[in-house]
Amino acid sequence: ADFLKEELFTDPAVSAQWYPSKDYHKLYIGVIEAAYSNCQALRD
């Protein structure tokens, strides 16, 4: 996990368009440990 950083954008237009207030997202990378389909059954 780390914040996106203005100085690391290789295209400054992206930063200018999406972060005019400099409120950069934090990026989270996670390993997918499990996947579930039909979560309705979890209620049980």
PDB file of all heavy atoms in Angstrom:
ATOM      1  N   ALA A   1       0.850  -1.191   0.000  1.00  0.00           N
ATOM      2  CA  ALA A   1       0.000   0.000   0.000  1.00  0.00           C
ATOM      3  C   ALA A   1       0.882   1.237   0.000  1.00  0.00           C
ATOM      4  O   ALA A   1       1.866   1.302   0.745  1.00  0.00           O
ATOM      5  CB  ALA A   1      -0.915   0.006   1.218  1.00  0.00           C
ATOM      6  N   ASP A   2       0.538   2.189  -0.845  1.00  0.00           N
ATOM      7  CA  ASP A   2       1.248   3.469  -0.867  1.00  0.00           C
ATOM      8  C   ASP A   2       0.398   4.477  -1.613  1.00  0.00           C
ATOM      9  O   ASP A   2      -0.417   4.112  -2.474  1.00  0.00           O
ATOM     10  CB  ASP A   2       2.615   3.331  -1.546  1.00  0.00           C
ATOM     11  CG  ASP A   2       3.543   4.515  -1.243  1.00  0.00           C
ATOM     12  OD1 ASP A   2       3.200   5.370  -0.403  1.00  0.00           O
ATOM     13  OD2 ASP A   2       4.624   4.572  -1.852  1.00  0.00           O
ATOM     14  N   PHE A   3       0.607   5.753  -1.301  1.00  0.00           N
ATOM     15  CA  PHE A   3      -0.104   6.812  -2.008  1.00  0.00           C
ATOM     16  C   PHE A   3       0.478   7.026  -3.397  1.00  0.00           C
ATOM     17  O   PHE A   3       1.694   6.906  -3.598  1.00  0.00           O
ATOM     18  CB  PHE A   3       0.009   8.128  -1.226  1.00  0.00           C
ATOM     19  CG  PHE A   3      -0.916   8.189  -0.051  1.00  0.00           C
ATOM     20  CD1 PHE A   3      -0.442   7.928   1.223  1.00  0.00           C
ATOM     21  CD2 PHE A   3      -2.254   8.502  -0.220  1.00  0.00           C
ATOM     22  CE1 PHE A   3      -1.292   7.977   2.314  1.00  0.00           C
ATOM     23  CE2 PHE A   3      -3.119   8.554   0.856  1.00  0.00           C
ATOM     24  CZ  PHE A   3      -2.634   8.293   2.130  1.00  0.00           C
ATOM     25  N   LEU A   4      -0.399   7.319  -4.321  1.00  0.00           N
ATOM     26  CA  LEU A   4       0.057   7.789  -5.622  1.00  0.00           C
ATOM     27  C   LEU A   4       0.745   9.130  -5.387  1.00  0.00           C
ATOM     28  O   LEU A   4       0.331   9.902  -4.515  1.00  0.00           O
ATOM     29  CB  LEU A   4      -1.125   7.952  -6.576  1.00  0.00           C
ATOM     30  CG  LEU A   4      -1.948   6.679  -6.842  1.00  0.00           C
ATOM     31  CD1 LEU A   4      -3.106   6.996  -7.786  1.00  0.00           C
ATOM     32  CD2 LEU A   4      -1.082   5.578  -7.409  1.00  0.00           C
ATOM     33  N   LYS A   5       1.782   9.409  -6.158  1.00  0.00           N
ATOM     34  CA  LYS A   5       2.576  10.615  -5.942  1.00  0.00           C
ATOM     35  C   LYS A   5       2.635  11.447  -7.227  1.00  0.00           C
ATOM     36  O   LYS A   5       2.900  10.914  -8.311  1.00  0.00           O
ATOM     37  CB  LYS A   5       3.982  10.241  -5.493  1.00  0.00           C
ATOM     38  CG  LYS A   5       4.007   9.525  -4.152  1.00  0.00           C
ATOM     39  CD  LYS A   5       5.399   9.037  -3.798  1.00  0.00           C
ATOM     40  CE  LYS A   5       5.440   8.361  -2.461  1.00  0.00           C
ATOM     41  NZ  LYS A   5       4.777   7.082  -2.402  1.00  0.00           N
ATOM     42  N   GLU A   6       2.393  12.718  -7.070  1.00  0.00           N
ATOM     43  CA  GLU A   6       2.349  13.632  -8.205  1.00  0.00           C
ATOM     44  C   GLU A   6       3.601  13.528  -9.065  1.00  0.00           C
ATOM     45  O   GLU A   6       3.517  13.452 -10.292  1.00  0.00           O
ATOM     46  CB  GLU A   6       2.174  15.064  -7.703  1.00  0.00           C
ATOM     47  CG  GLU A   6       2.112  16.095  -8.816  1.00  0.00           C
ATOM     48  CD  GLU A   6       1.880  17.499  -8.292  1.00  0.00           C
ATOM     49  OE1 GLU A   6       2.127  17.767  -7.110  1.00  0.00           O
ATOM     50  OE2 GLU A   6       1.445  18.348  -9.105  1.00  0.00           O
ATOM     51  N   GLU A   7       4.752  13.491  -8.436  1.00  0.00           N
ATOM     52  CA  GLU A   7       6.014  13.498  -9.179  1.00  0.00           C
ATOM     53  C   GLU A   7       6.280  12.202  -9.936  1.00  0.00           C
ATOM     54  O   GLU A   7       7.179  12.139 -10.782  1.00  0.00           O
ATOM     55  CB  GLU A   7       7.184  13.829  -8.244  1.00  0.00           C
ATOM     56  CG  GLU A   7       7.463  12.788  -7.176  1.00  0.00           C
ATOM     57  CD  GLU A   7       6.647  12.953  -5.892  1.00  0.00           C
ATOM     58  OE1 GLU A   7       5.680  13.755  -5.868  1.00  0.00           O
ATOM     59  OE2 GLU A   7       6.976  12.258  -4.925  1.00  0.00           O
ATOM     60  N   LEU A   8       5.514  11.156  -9.672  1.00  0.00           N
ATOM     61  CA  LEU A   8       5.735   9.884 -10.347  1.00  0.00           C
ATOM     62  C   LEU A   8       4.820   9.658 -11.545  1.00  0.00           C
ATOM     63  O   LEU A   8       4.969   8.658 -12.254  1.00  0.00           O
ATOM     64  CB  LEU A   8       5.602   8.730  -9.354  1.00  0.00           C
ATOM     65  CG  LEU A   8       6.636   8.744  -8.214  1.00  0.00           C
ATOM     66  CD1 LEU A   8       6.417   7.560  -7.282  1.00  0.00           C
ATOM     67  CD2 LEU A   8       8.060   8.756  -8.756  1.00  0.00           C
ATOM     68  N   PHE A   9       3.879  10.576 -11.781  1.00  0.00           N
ATOM     69  CA  PHE A   9       3.055  10.460 -12.980  1.00  0.00           C
ATOM     70  C   PHE A   9       3.915  10.782 -14.192  1.00  0.00           C
ATOM     71  O   PHE A   9       4.553  11.828 -14.262  1.00  0.00           O
ATOM     72  CB  PHE A   9       1.865  11.435 -12.912  1.00  0.00           C
ATOM     73  CG  PHE A   9       0.736  10.934 -12.074  1.00  0.00           C
ATOM     74  CD1 PHE A   9       0.679  11.227 -10.718  1.00  0.00           C
ATOM     75  CD2 PHE A   9      -0.270  10.161 -12.633  1.00  0.00           C
ATOM     76  CE1 PHE A   9      -0.372  10.762  -9.940  1.00  0.00           C
ATOM     77  CE2 PHE A   9      -1.322   9.683 -11.859  1.00  0.00           C
ATOM     78  CZ  PHE A   9      -1.368   9.984 -10.508  1.00  0.00           C
ATOM     79  N   THR A  10       3.961   9.875 -15.150  1.00  0.00           N
ATOM     80  CA  THR A  10       4.735  10.125 -16.366  1.00  0.00           C
ATOM     81  C   THR A  10       3.955  10.985 -17.344  1.00  0.00           C
ATOM     82  O   THR A  10       4.533  11.538 -18.279  1.00  0.00           O
ATOM     83  CB  THR A  10       5.154   8.800 -17.032  1.00  0.00           C
ATOM     84  OG1 THR A  10       3.983   8.037 -17.318  1.00  0.00           O
ATOM     85  CG2 THR A  10       6.090   8.009 -16.115  1.00  0.00           C
ATOM     86  N   ASP A  11       2.656  11.101 -17.135  1.00  0.00           N
ATOM     87  CA  ASP A  11       1.813  12.004 -17.907  1.00  0.00           C
ATOM     88  C   ASP A  11       1.180  12.982 -16.925  1.00  0.00           C
ATOM     89  O   ASP A  11       0.185  12.650 -16.260  1.00  0.00           O
ATOM     90  CB  ASP A  11       0.733  11.219 -18.658  1.00  0.00           C
ATOM     91  CG  ASP A  11      -0.156  12.101 -19.511  1.00  0.00           C
ATOM     92  OD1 ASP A  11      -0.095  13.349 -19.389  1.00  0.00           O
ATOM     93  OD2 ASP A  11      -0.942  11.540 -20.302  1.00  0.00           O
ATOM     94  N   PRO A  12       1.725  14.173 -16.790  1.00  0.00           N
ATOM     95  CA  PRO A  12       1.218  15.144 -15.818  1.00  0.00           C
ATOM     96  C   PRO A  12      -0.257  15.511 -16.023  1.00  0.00           C
ATOM     97  O   PRO A  12      -0.921  15.939 -15.088  1.00  0.00           O
ATOM     98  CB  PRO A  12       2.105  16.373 -16.024  1.00  0.00           C
ATOM     99  CG  PRO A  12       3.309  15.881 -16.745  1.00  0.00           C
ATOM    100  CD  PRO A  12       2.883  14.678 -17.527  1.00  0.00           C
ATOM    101  N   ALA A  13      -0.765  15.308 -17.222  1.00  0.00           N
ATOM    102  CA  ALA A  13      -2.167  15.625 -17.489  1.00  0.00           C
ATOM    103  C   ALA A  13      -3.101  14.738 -16.665  1.00  0.00           C
ATOM    104  O   ALA A  13      -4.191  15.167 -16.273  1.00  0.00           O
ATOM    105  CB  ALA A  13      -2.473  15.481 -18.976  1.00  0.00           C
ATOM    106  N   VAL A  14      -2.693  13.506 -16.384  1.00  0.00           N
ATOM    107  CA  VAL A  14      -3.517  12.603 -15.575  1.00  0.00           C
ATOM    108  C   VAL A  14      -3.653  13.166 -14.164  1.00  0.00           C
ATOM    109  O   VAL A  14      -4.753  13.251 -13.609  1.00  0.00           O
ATOM    110  CB  VAL A  14      -2.925  11.178 -15.551  1.00  0.00           C
ATOM    111  CG1 VAL A  14      -3.692  10.286 -14.588  1.00  0.00           C
ATOM    112  CG2 VAL A  14      -2.918  10.578 -16.952  1.00  0.00           C
ATOM    113  N   SER A  15      -2.535  13.552 -13.587  1.00  0.00           N
ATOM    114  CA  SER A  15      -2.568  14.131 -12.246  1.00  0.00           C
ATOM    115  C   SER A  15      -3.402  15.410 -12.228  1.00  0.00           C
ATOM    116  O   SER A  15      -4.227  15.612 -11.335  1.00  0.00           O
ATOM    117  CB  SER A  15      -1.149  14.423 -11.764  1.00  0.00           C
ATOM    118  OG  SER A  15      -1.172  15.006 -10.475  1.00  0.00           O
ATOM    119  N   ALA A  16      -3.217  16.255 -13.208  1.00  0.00           N
ATOM    120  CA  ALA A  16      -3.955  17.519 -13.265  1.00  0.00           C
ATOM    121  C   ALA A  16      -5.460  17.279 -13.416  1.00  0.00           C
ATOM    122  O   ALA A  16      -6.276  17.966 -12.794  1.00  0.00           O
ATOM    123  CB  ALA A  16      -3.430  18.373 -14.421  1.00  0.00           C
ATOM    124  N   GLN A  17      -5.842  16.292 -14.228  1.00  0.00           N
ATOM    125  CA  GLN A  17      -7.263  16.022 -14.468  1.00  0.00           C
ATOM    126  C   GLN A  17      -7.947  15.405 -13.263  1.00  0.00           C
ATOM    127  O   GLN A  17      -9.040  15.807 -12.885  1.00  0.00           O
ATOM    128  CB  GLN A  17      -7.432  15.094 -15.668  1.00  0.00           C
ATOM    129  CG  GLN A  17      -8.893  14.726 -15.926  1.00  0.00           C
ATOM    130  CD  GLN A  17      -9.061  13.768 -17.091  1.00  0.00           C
ATOM    131  OE1 GLN A  17      -8.104  13.339 -17.725  1.00  0.00           O
ATOM    132  NE2 GLN A  17     -10.305  13.424 -17.373  1.00  0.00           N
ATOM    133  N   TRP A  18      -7.317  14.412 -12.649  1.00  0.00           N
ATOM    134  CA  TRP A  18      -7.982  13.628 -11.613  1.00  0.00           C
ATOM    135  C   TRP A  18      -7.658  14.066 -10.191  1.00  0.00           C
ATOM    136  O   TRP A  18      -8.345  13.654  -9.249  1.00  0.00           O
ATOM    137  CB  TRP A  18      -7.665  12.143 -11.794  1.00  0.00           C
ATOM    138  CG  TRP A  18      -8.217  11.633 -13.092  1.00  0.00           C
ATOM    139  CD1 TRP A  18      -7.528  11.351 -14.235  1.00  0.00           C
ATOM    140  CD2 TRP A  18      -9.596  11.396 -13.395  1.00  0.00           C
ATOM    141  NE1 TRP A  18      -8.380  10.944 -15.219  1.00  0.00           N
ATOM    142  CE2 TRP A  18      -9.669  10.963 -14.733  1.00  0.00           C
ATOM    143  CE3 TRP A  18     -10.777  11.504 -12.668  1.00  0.00           C
ATOM    144  CZ2 TRP A  18     -10.855  10.631 -15.361  1.00  0.00           C
ATOM    145  CZ3 TRP A  18     -11.977  11.177 -13.292  1.00  0.00           C
ATOM    146  CH2 TRP A  18     -12.007  10.747 -14.620  1.00  0.00           C
ATOM    147  N   TYR A  19      -6.635  14.887 -10.018  1.00  0.00           N
ATOM    148  CA  TYR A  19      -6.233  15.295  -8.673  1.00  0.00           C
ATOM    149  C   TYR A  19      -5.963  16.798  -8.589  1.00  0.00           C
ATOM    150  O   TYR A  19      -4.915  17.228  -8.109  1.00  0.00           O
ATOM    151  CB  TYR A  19      -4.989  14.506  -8.236  1.00  0.00           C
ATOM    152  CG  TYR A  19      -5.205  13.020  -8.269  1.00  0.00           C
ATOM    153  CD1 TYR A  19      -4.737  12.247  -9.330  1.00  0.00           C
ATOM    154  CD2 TYR A  19      -5.901  12.386  -7.248  1.00  0.00           C
ATOM    155  CE1 TYR A  19      -4.964  10.880  -9.373  1.00  0.00           C
ATOM    156  CE2 TYR A  19      -6.133  11.018  -7.284  1.00  0.00           C
ATOM    157  CZ  TYR A  19      -5.662  10.281  -8.346  1.00  0.00           C
ATOM    158  OH  TYR A  19      -5.888   8.929  -8.381  1.00  0.00           O
ATOM    159  N   PRO A  20      -6.910  17.620  -9.008  1.00  0.00           N
ATOM    160  CA  PRO A  20      -6.676  19.075  -8.926  1.00  0.00           C
ATOM    161  C   PRO A  20      -6.498  19.553  -7.479  1.00  0.00           C
ATOM    162  O   PRO A  20      -5.824  20.560  -7.247  1.00  0.00           O
ATOM    163  CB  PRO A  20      -7.922  19.684  -9.567  1.00  0.00           C
ATOM    164  CG  PRO A  20      -8.969  18.631  -9.465  1.00  0.00           C
ATOM    165  CD  PRO A  20      -8.234  17.312  -9.540  1.00  0.00           C
ATOM    166  N   SER A  21      -7.053  18.829  -6.518  1.00  0.00           N
ATOM    167  CA  SER A  21      -6.911  19.190  -5.101  1.00  0.00           C
ATOM    168  C   SER A  21      -5.746  18.458  -4.439  1.00  0.00           C
ATOM    169  O   SER A  21      -5.573  18.552  -3.217  1.00  0.00           O
ATOM    170  CB  SER A  21      -8.202  18.875  -4.344  1.00  0.00           C
ATOM    171  OG  SER A  21      -9.274  19.601  -4.879  1.00  0.00           O
ATOM    172  N   LYS A  22      -4.995  17.691  -5.214  1.00  0.00           N
ATOM    173  CA  LYS A  22      -3.838  16.930  -4.706  1.00  0.00           C
ATOM    174  C   LYS A  22      -4.235  15.874  -3.667  1.00  0.00           C
ATOM    175  O   LYS A  22      -3.444  15.494  -2.814  1.00  0.00           O
ATOM    176  CB  LYS A  22      -2.770  17.855  -4.119  1.00  0.00           C
ATOM    177  CG  LYS A  22      -2.378  19.019  -5.001  1.00  0.00           C
ATOM    178  CD  LYS A  22      -1.567  18.584  -6.178  1.00  0.00           C
ATOM    179  CE  LYS A  22      -1.064  19.815  -6.940  1.00  0.00           C
ATOM    180  NZ  LYS A  22      -0.880  19.563  -8.325  1.00  0.00           N
ATOM    181  N   ASP A  23      -5.463  15.389  -3.750  1.00  0.00           N
ATOM    182  CA  ASP A  23      -5.960  14.366  -2.823  1.00  0.00           C
ATOM    183  C   ASP A  23      -5.774  12.981  -3.441  1.00  0.00           C
ATOM    184  O   ASP A  23      -6.714  12.313  -3.810  1.00  0.00           O
ATOM    185  CB  ASP A  23      -7.418  14.621  -2.454  1.00  0.00           C
ATOM    186  CG  ASP A  23      -8.343  14.643  -3.664  1.00  0.00           C
ATOM    187  OD1 ASP A  23      -7.870  14.870  -4.804  1.00  0.00           O
ATOM    188  OD2 ASP A  23      -9.555  14.426  -3.467  1.00  0.00           O
ATOM    189  N   TYR A  24      -4.540  12.574  -3.529  1.00  0.00           N
ATOM    190  CA  TYR A  24      -4.180  11.346  -4.223  1.00  0.00           C
ATOM    191  C   TYR A  24      -4.707  10.102  -3.516  1.00  0.00           C
ATOM    192  O   TYR A  24      -4.704  10.012  -2.294  1.00  0.00           O
ATOM    193  CB  TYR A  24      -2.659  11.255  -4.390  1.00  0.00           C
ATOM    194  CG  TYR A  24      -2.146  12.345  -5.292  1.00  0.00           C
ATOM    195  CD1 TYR A  24      -1.631  13.526  -4.771  1.00  0.00           C
ATOM    196  CD2 TYR A  24      -2.224  12.205  -6.666  1.00  0.00           C
ATOM    197  CE1 TYR A  24      -1.179  14.541  -5.610  1.00  0.00           C
ATOM    198  CE2 TYR A  24      -1.785  13.210  -7.516  1.00  0.00           C
ATOM    199  CZ  TYR A  24      -1.273  14.376  -6.976  1.00  0.00           C
ATOM    200  OH  TYR A  24      -0.854  15.379  -7.808  1.00  0.00           O
ATOM    201  N   HIS A  25      -5.136   9.147  -4.327  1.00  0.00           N
ATOM    202  CA  HIS A  25      -5.570   7.854  -3.819  1.00  0.00           C
ATOM    203  C   HIS A  25      -4.399   7.112  -3.180  1.00  0.00           C
ATOM    204  O   HIS A  25      -3.239   7.325  -3.536  1.00  0.00           O
ATOM    205  CB  HIS A  25      -6.057   6.957  -4.974  1.00  0.00           C
ATOM    206  CG  HIS A  25      -7.395   7.292  -5.501  1.00  0.00           C
ATOM    207  ND1 HIS A  25      -7.585   8.092  -6.606  1.00  0.00           N
ATOM    208  CD2 HIS A  25      -8.632   6.913  -5.098  1.00  0.00           C
ATOM    209  CE1 HIS A  25      -8.877   8.186  -6.865  1.00  0.00           C
ATOM    210  NE2 HIS A  25      -9.538   7.471  -5.966  1.00  0.00           N
ATOM    211  N   LYS A  26      -4.743   6.197  -2.293  1.00  0.00           N
ATOM    212  CA  LYS A  26      -3.775   5.215  -1.834  1.00  0.00           C
ATOM    213  C   LYS A  26      -4.054   3.946  -2.618  1.00  0.00           C
ATOM    214  O   LYS A  26      -5.202   3.520  -2.761  1.00  0.00           O
ATOM    215  CB  LYS A  26      -3.897   4.950  -0.339  1.00  0.00           C
ATOM    216  CG  LYS A  26      -2.733   4.115   0.202  1.00  0.00           C
ATOM    217  CD  LYS A  26      -2.647   4.188   1.707  1.00  0.00           C
ATOM    218  CE  LYS A  26      -1.312   3.633   2.186  1.00  0.00           C
ATOM    219  NZ  LYS A  26      -1.235   3.728   3.662  1.00  0.00           N
ATOM    220  N   LEU A  27      -3.005   3.363  -3.154  1.00  0.00           N
ATOM    221  CA  LEU A  27      -3.085   2.126  -3.923  1.00  0.00           C
ATOM    222  C   LEU A  27      -2.884   0.946  -2.977  1.00  0.00           C
ATOM    223  O   LEU A  27      -1.940   0.929  -2.184  1.00  0.00           O
ATOM    224  CB  LEU A  27      -1.999   2.110  -4.997  1.00  0.00           C
ATOM    225  CG  LEU A  27      -1.726   0.780  -5.703  1.00  0.00           C
ATOM    226  CD1 LEU A  27      -2.895   0.396  -6.599  1.00  0.00           C
ATOM    227  CD2 LEU A  27      -0.434   0.878  -6.509  1.00  0.00           C
ATOM    228  N   TYR A  28      -3.790  -0.014  -3.051  1.00  0.00           N
ATOM    229  CA  TYR A  28      -3.679  -1.253  -2.282  1.00  0.00           C
ATOM    230  C   TYR A  28      -3.558  -2.409  -3.267  1.00  0.00           C
ATOM    231  O   TYR A  28      -4.386  -2.542  -4.168  1.00  0.00           O
ATOM    232  CB  TYR A  28      -4.918  -1.478  -1.409  1.00  0.00           C
ATOM    233  CG  TYR A  28      -5.103  -0.419  -0.358  1.00  0.00           C
ATOM    234  CD1 TYR A  28      -5.875   0.699  -0.617  1.00  0.00           C
ATOM    235  CD2 TYR A  28      -4.498  -0.543   0.890  1.00  0.00           C
ATOM    236  CE1 TYR A  28      -6.053   1.682   0.352  1.00  0.00           C
ATOM    237  CE2 TYR A  28      -4.666   0.435   1.862  1.00  0.00           C
ATOM    238  CZ  TYR A  28      -5.449   1.546   1.581  1.00  0.00           C
ATOM    239  OH  TYR A  28      -5.612   2.513   2.541  1.00  0.00           O
ATOM    240  N   ILE A  29      -2.533  -3.220  -3.075  1.00  0.00           N
ATOM    241  CA  ILE A  29      -2.386  -4.442  -3.860  1.00  0.00           C
ATOM    242  C   ILE A  29      -2.562  -5.600  -2.892  1.00  0.00           C
ATOM    243  O   ILE A  29      -1.901  -5.658  -1.845  1.00  0.00           O
ATOM    244  CB  ILE A  29      -1.011  -4.543  -4.540  1.00  0.00           C
ATOM    245  CG1 ILE A  29      -0.795  -3.363  -5.491  1.00  0.00           C
ATOM    246  CG2 ILE A  29      -0.878  -5.877  -5.288  1.00  0.00           C
ATOM    247  CD1 ILE A  29       0.606  -3.295  -6.097  1.00  0.00           C
ATOM    248  N   GLY A  30      -3.470  -6.498  -3.239  1.00  0.00           N
ATOM    249  CA  GLY A  30      -3.721  -7.643  -2.380  1.00  0.00           C
ATOM    250  C   GLY A  30      -3.661  -8.944  -3.142  1.00  0.00           C
ATOM    251  O   GLY A  30      -4.026  -9.003  -4.315  1.00  0.00           O
ATOM    252  N   VAL A  31      -3.176  -9.970  -2.469  1.00  0.00           N
ATOM    253  CA  VAL A  31      -3.229 -11.308  -3.043  1.00  0.00           C
ATOM    254  C   VAL A  31      -4.662 -11.803  -2.869  1.00  0.00           C
ATOM    255  O   VAL A  31      -5.280 -11.590  -1.825  1.00  0.00           O
ATOM    256  CB  VAL A  31      -2.210 -12.268  -2.384  1.00  0.00           C
ATOM    257  CG1 VAL A  31      -2.464 -12.449  -0.903  1.00  0.00           C
ATOM    258  CG2 VAL A  31      -2.189 -13.613  -3.082  1.00  0.00           C
ATOM    259  N   ILE A  32      -5.212 -12.411  -3.902  1.00  0.00           N
ATOM    260  CA  ILE A  32      -6.557 -12.972  -3.820  1.00  0.00           C
ATOM    261  C   ILE A  32      -6.431 -14.333  -3.134  1.00  0.00           C
ATOM    262  O   ILE A  32      -5.936 -15.290  -3.712  1.00  0.00           O
ATOM    263  CB  ILE A  32      -7.206 -13.110  -5.210  1.00  0.00           C
ATOM    264  CG1 ILE A  32      -7.278 -11.745  -5.902  1.00  0.00           C
ATOM    265  CG2 ILE A  32      -8.598 -13.743  -5.086  1.00  0.00           C
ATOM    266  CD1 ILE A  32      -7.713 -11.808  -7.359  1.00  0.00           C
ATOM    267  N   GLU A  33      -6.877 -14.388  -1.878  1.00  0.00           N
ATOM    268  CA  GLU A  33      -6.761 -15.625  -1.099  1.00  0.00           C
ATOM    269  C   GLU A  33      -7.938 -16.557  -1.297  1.00  0.00           C
ATOM    270  O   GLU A  33      -7.824 -17.759  -1.079  1.00  0.00           O
ATOM    271  CB  GLU A  33      -6.607 -15.295   0.383  1.00  0.00           C
ATOM    272  CG  GLU A  33      -5.279 -14.624   0.682  1.00  0.00           C
ATOM    273  CD  GLU A  33      -5.001 -14.520   2.157  1.00  0.00           C
ATOM    274  OE1 GLU A  33      -5.915 -14.171   2.923  1.00  0.00           O
ATOM    275  OE2 GLU A  33      -3.856 -14.794   2.537  1.00  0.00           O
ATOM    276  N   ALA A  34      -9.080 -15.996  -1.680  1.00  0.00           N
ATOM    277  CA  ALA A  34     -10.264 -16.817  -1.917  1.00  0.00           C
ATOM    278  C   ALA A  34     -11.197 -16.051  -2.834  1.00  0.00           C
ATOM    279  O   ALA A  34     -11.195 -14.822  -2.863  1.00  0.00           O
ATOM    280  CB  ALA A  34     -10.974 -17.148  -0.609  1.00  0.00           C
ATOM    281  N   ALA A  35     -11.983 -16.802  -3.577  1.00  0.00           N
ATOM    282  CA  ALA A  35     -13.013 -16.213  -4.433  1.00  0.00           C
ATOM    283  C   ALA A  35     -14.295 -17.001  -4.194  1.00  0.00           C
ATOM    284  O   ALA A  35     -14.268 -18.231  -4.074  1.00  0.00           O
ATOM    285  CB  ALA A  35     -12.597 -16.282  -5.904  1.00  0.00           C
ATOM    286  N   TYR A  36     -15.389 -16.271  -4.087  1.00  0.00           N
ATOM    287  CA  TYR A  36     -16.690 -16.887  -3.843  1.00  0.00           C
ATOM    288  C   TYR A  36     -17.675 -16.449  -4.913  1.00  0.00           C
ATOM    289  O   TYR A  36     -17.744 -15.267  -5.241  1.00  0.00           O
ATOM    290  CB  TYR A  36     -17.259 -16.457  -2.485  1.00  0.00           C
ATOM    291  CG  TYR A  36     -16.493 -16.982  -1.306  1.00  0.00           C
ATOM    292  CD1 TYR A  36     -15.502 -16.229  -0.700  1.00  0.00           C
ATOM    293  CD2 TYR A  36     -16.766 -18.243  -0.787  1.00  0.00           C
ATOM    294  CE1 TYR A  36     -14.801 -16.709   0.393  1.00  0.00           C
ATOM    295  CE2 TYR A  36     -16.073 -18.732   0.304  1.00  0.00           C
ATOM    296  CZ  TYR A  36     -15.092 -17.950   0.890  1.00  0.00           C
ATOM    297  OH  TYR A  36     -14.399 -18.439   1.976  1.00  0.00           O
ATOM    298  N   SER A  37     -18.425 -17.388  -5.425  1.00  0.00           N
ATOM    299  CA  SER A  37     -19.553 -17.044  -6.282  1.00  0.00           C
ATOM    300  C   SER A  37     -20.819 -17.399  -5.498  1.00  0.00           C
ATOM    301  O   SER A  37     -20.773 -18.197  -4.566  1.00  0.00           O
ATOM    302  CB  SER A  37     -19.502 -17.792  -7.619  1.00  0.00           C
ATOM    303  OG  SER A  37     -19.632 -19.178  -7.420  1.00  0.00           O
ATOM    304  N   ASN A  38     -21.914 -16.770  -5.880  1.00  0.00           N
ATOM    305  CA  ASN A  38     -23.202 -17.014  -5.209  1.00  0.00           C
ATOM    306  C   ASN A  38     -23.068 -16.812  -3.708  1.00  0.00           C
ATOM    307  O   ASN A  38     -23.231 -17.742  -2.925  1.00  0.00           O
ATOM    308  CB  ASN A  38     -23.718 -18.412  -5.517  1.00  0.00           C
ATOM    309  CG  ASN A  38     -25.103 -18.644  -4.930  1.00  0.00           C
ATOM    310  OD1 ASN A  38     -25.801 -17.697  -4.559  1.00  0.00           O
ATOM    311  ND2 ASN A  38     -25.494 -19.887  -4.833  1.00  0.00           N
ATOM    312  N   CYS A  39     -22.810 -15.576  -3.294  1.00  0.00           N
ATOM    313  CA  CYS A  39     -22.608 -15.279  -1.875  1.00  0.00           C
ATOM    314  C   CYS A  39     -23.880 -15.375  -1.060  1.00  0.00           C
ATOM    315  O   CYS A  39     -23.827 -15.325   0.168  1.00  0.00           O
ATOM    316  CB  CYS A  39     -21.985 -13.901  -1.740  1.00  0.00           C
ATOM    317  SG  CYS A  39     -20.319 -13.873  -2.464  1.00  0.00           S
ATOM    318  N   GLN A  40     -25.002 -15.544  -1.707  1.00  0.00           N
ATOM    319  CA  GLN A  40     -26.267 -15.686  -1.002  1.00  0.00           C
ATOM    320  C   GLN A  40     -26.198 -16.815   0.015  1.00  0.00           C
ATOM    321  O   GLN A  40     -26.755 -16.738   1.094  1.00  0.00           O
ATOM    322  CB  GLN A  40     -27.385 -15.936  -2.013  1.00  0.00           C
ATOM    323  CG  GLN A  40     -28.753 -15.696  -1.468  1.00  0.00           C
ATOM    324  CD  GLN A  40     -29.775 -15.654  -2.591  1.00  0.00           C
ATOM    325  OE1 GLN A  40     -29.564 -16.236  -3.645  1.00  0.00           O
ATOM    326  NE2 GLN A  40     -30.857 -14.978  -2.361  1.00  0.00           N
ATOM    327  N   ALA A  41     -25.465 -17.856  -0.298  1.00  0.00           N
ATOM    328  CA  ALA A  41     -25.368 -19.000   0.605  1.00  0.00           C
ATOM    329  C   ALA A  41     -24.562 -18.690   1.868  1.00  0.00           C
ATOM    330  O   ALA A  41     -24.627 -19.431   2.839  1.00  0.00           O
ATOM    331  CB  ALA A  41     -24.771 -20.191  -0.129  1.00  0.00           C
ATOM    332  N   LEU A  42     -23.800 -17.596   1.870  1.00  0.00           N
ATOM    333  CA  LEU A  42     -23.043 -17.235   3.071  1.00  0.00           C
ATOM    334  C   LEU A  42     -23.961 -16.915   4.241  1.00  0.00           C
ATOM    335  O   LEU A  42     -23.563 -17.009   5.389  1.00  0.00           O
ATOM    336  CB  LEU A  42     -22.133 -16.031   2.796  1.00  0.00           C
ATOM    337  CG  LEU A  42     -20.883 -16.297   1.977  1.00  0.00           C
ATOM    338  CD1 LEU A  42     -20.238 -14.993   1.574  1.00  0.00           C
ATOM    339  CD2 LEU A  42     -19.907 -17.163   2.739  1.00  0.00           C
ATOM    340  N   ARG A  43     -25.195 -16.512   3.971  1.00  0.00           N
ATOM    341  CA  ARG A  43     -26.108 -16.146   5.063  1.00  0.00           C
ATOM    342  C   ARG A  43     -26.310 -17.317   6.020  1.00  0.00           C
ATOM    343  O   ARG A  43     -26.583 -17.121   7.186  1.00  0.00           O
ATOM    344  CB  ARG A  43     -27.441 -15.653   4.510  1.00  0.00           C
ATOM    345  CG  ARG A  43     -28.279 -16.759   3.917  1.00  0.00           C
ATOM    346  CD  ARG A  43     -29.660 -16.251   3.550  1.00  0.00           C
ATOM    347  NE  ARG A  43     -30.351 -17.307   2.837  1.00  0.00           N
ATOM    348  CZ  ARG A  43     -30.818 -17.186   1.618  1.00  0.00           C
ATOM    349  NH1 ARG A  43     -30.713 -16.043   0.983  1.00  0.00           N
ATOM    350  NH2 ARG A  43     -31.426 -18.190   1.022  1.00  0.00           N
ATOM    351  N   ASP A  44     -26.158 -18.527   5.526  1.00  0.00           N
ATOM    352  CA  ASP A  44     -26.348 -19.697   6.365  1.00  0.00           C
ATOM    353  C   ASP A  44     -25.198 -19.900   7.359  1.00  0.00           C
ATOM    354  O   ASP A  44     -25.329 -20.678   8.292  1.00  0.00           O
ATOM    355  CB  ASP A  44     -26.506 -20.953   5.507  1.00  0.00           C
ATOM    356  CG  ASP A  44     -27.686 -20.837   4.552  1.00  0.00           C
ATOM    357  OD1 ASP A  44     -28.681 -20.155   4.916  1.00  0.00           O
ATOM    358  OD2 ASP A  44     -27.606 -21.384   3.441  1.00  0.00           O
TER     359      ASP A  44
END
